[in-house]
């Protein structure tokens, strides 16, 4: 992912945080999935056990997982004004989720 795409994704994350749409942290993401919400989940840094549990667990059909290369935990945390953030999520129905997917597709990333 190029710098322009990374900056745009981080900007969208900041806007989503200010709009109150962004879900931050494992516990909040898991509780939203338990309420049967469909989410776009973004992970910063390397693969985590939480990411693997979502891929293979009972919530696998309710979430789309992305681990965009080039976005570190520090960058993610700075973009949303928090500390030590490794995972964030959006409701799939939100425009923010759609914009993230669009940016990553334009940046040459494969979306699964």
Protein backbone atom coordinates (compact mmCIF):
# COMPACT_ATOMS: atom_id res chain seq x y z
CA UNK A 1 0.00 0.00 0.00
CA UNK A 2 1.42 3.40 -0.93
CA UNK A 3 1.77 6.39 1.41
CA UNK A 4 -1.17 8.25 -0.13
CA UNK A 5 -3.53 5.32 0.44
CA UNK A 6 -2.23 4.79 3.97
CA UNK A 7 -2.79 8.47 4.80
CA UNK A 8 -6.31 8.35 3.34
CA UNK A 9 -7.23 5.21 5.33
CA UNK A 10 -5.90 6.75 8.55
CA UNK A 11 -7.85 9.94 7.82
CA UNK A 12 -11.09 7.98 7.40
CA UNK A 13 -10.39 6.23 10.71
CA UNK A 14 -10.01 9.62 12.41
CA UNK A 15 -13.27 10.89 10.91
CA UNK A 16 -15.07 7.72 11.99
CA UNK A 17 -13.79 8.13 15.54
CA UNK A 18 -15.02 11.71 15.71
CA UNK A 19 -18.38 10.65 14.26
CA UNK A 20 -18.77 7.99 16.95
CA UNK A 21 -18.98 5.12 14.45
CA UNK A 22 -15.63 3.47 15.13
CA UNK A 23 -15.49 0.47 17.46
CA UNK A 24 -12.14 0.28 19.25
CA UNK A 25 -10.64 -2.79 20.91
CA UNK A 26 -11.22 -6.51 21.06
CA UNK A 27 -13.92 -6.50 23.73
CA UNK A 28 -16.09 -3.95 21.96
CA UNK A 29 -15.69 -5.72 18.62
CA UNK A 30 -16.57 -9.08 20.15
CA UNK A 31 -19.65 -7.71 21.95
CA UNK A 32 -20.87 -6.06 18.74
CA UNK A 33 -20.50 -9.35 16.90
CA UNK A 34 -22.39 -11.09 19.71
CA UNK A 35 -25.25 -8.63 19.08
CA UNK A 36 -25.26 -9.97 15.51
CA UNK A 37 -23.83 -6.85 13.87
CA UNK A 38 -21.89 -7.31 10.64
CA UNK A 39 -18.52 -5.58 10.90
CA UNK A 40 -15.50 -4.61 8.87
CA UNK A 41 -12.59 -5.31 11.23
CA UNK A 42 -9.14 -3.77 10.68
CA UNK A 43 -6.02 -5.04 12.40
CA UNK A 44 -2.76 -3.13 12.72
CA UNK A 45 0.55 -4.90 12.70
CA UNK A 46 1.03 -8.62 12.51
CA UNK A 47 -1.50 -11.44 12.76
CA UNK A 48 -2.93 -11.85 16.26
CA UNK A 49 -4.67 -14.64 18.10
CA UNK A 50 -7.83 -12.50 18.16
CA UNK A 51 -7.73 -12.24 14.38
CA UNK A 52 -7.35 -16.00 14.03
CA UNK A 53 -10.21 -16.60 16.47
CA UNK A 54 -12.50 -14.37 14.39
CA UNK A 55 -11.49 -16.11 11.16
CA UNK A 56 -12.31 -19.57 12.49
CA UNK A 57 -14.84 -18.85 15.22
CA UNK A 58 -18.58 -18.57 15.34
CA UNK A 59 -18.53 -14.94 14.18
CA UNK A 60 -16.61 -15.63 10.94
CA UNK A 61 -19.67 -15.08 8.75
CA UNK A 62 -20.51 -11.75 10.45
CA UNK A 63 -17.20 -9.99 9.89
CA UNK A 64 -14.84 -9.08 7.09
CA UNK A 65 -11.25 -8.98 8.29
CA UNK A 66 -8.56 -6.71 6.87
CA UNK A 67 -4.93 -6.41 7.85
CA UNK A 68 -3.70 -3.61 5.60
CA UNK A 69 0.07 -3.69 5.20
CA UNK A 70 1.86 -0.52 6.16
CA UNK A 71 -0.45 0.48 9.00
CA UNK A 72 1.30 0.01 12.32
CA UNK A 73 -0.19 0.04 15.80
CA UNK A 74 1.42 3.43 16.44
CA UNK A 75 -0.09 4.95 13.27
CA UNK A 76 -3.51 3.51 14.01
CA UNK A 77 -3.41 4.77 17.58
CA UNK A 78 -2.31 8.25 16.50
CA UNK A 79 -5.01 8.45 13.81
CA UNK A 80 -7.80 7.82 16.29
CA UNK A 81 -6.25 9.66 19.24
CA UNK A 82 -5.77 6.70 21.52
CA UNK A 83 -2.99 4.41 22.78
CA UNK A 84 -2.01 0.82 22.00
CA UNK A 85 -4.84 0.17 19.55
CA UNK A 86 -4.50 -3.05 17.57
CA UNK A 87 -8.03 -3.57 16.27
CA UNK A 88 -10.88 -1.29 15.15
CA UNK A 89 -14.14 -2.02 13.38
CA UNK A 90 -17.01 -0.35 11.54
CA UNK A 91 -20.55 -1.57 10.97
CA UNK A 92 -20.60 -2.84 7.38
CA UNK A 93 -23.62 -0.68 6.67
CA UNK A 94 -21.63 2.51 7.37
CA UNK A 95 -20.19 4.68 4.65
CA UNK A 96 -16.87 4.62 6.46
CA UNK A 97 -16.53 0.86 5.92
CA UNK A 98 -17.38 1.25 2.27
CA UNK A 99 -14.80 4.03 1.89
CA UNK A 100 -12.06 1.94 3.53
CA UNK A 101 -12.77 -0.96 1.16
CA UNK A 102 -12.75 1.42 -1.80
CA UNK A 103 -9.44 3.01 -0.76
CA UNK A 104 -7.75 -0.34 -0.29
CA UNK A 105 -9.04 -1.56 -3.65
CA UNK A 106 -7.73 1.58 -5.35
CA UNK A 107 -4.41 1.17 -3.55
CA UNK A 108 -3.93 -2.21 -5.17
CA UNK A 109 -4.79 -4.33 -2.15
CA UNK A 110 -6.77 -7.52 -2.54
CA UNK A 111 -9.99 -7.49 -0.53
CA UNK A 112 -11.30 -10.90 0.42
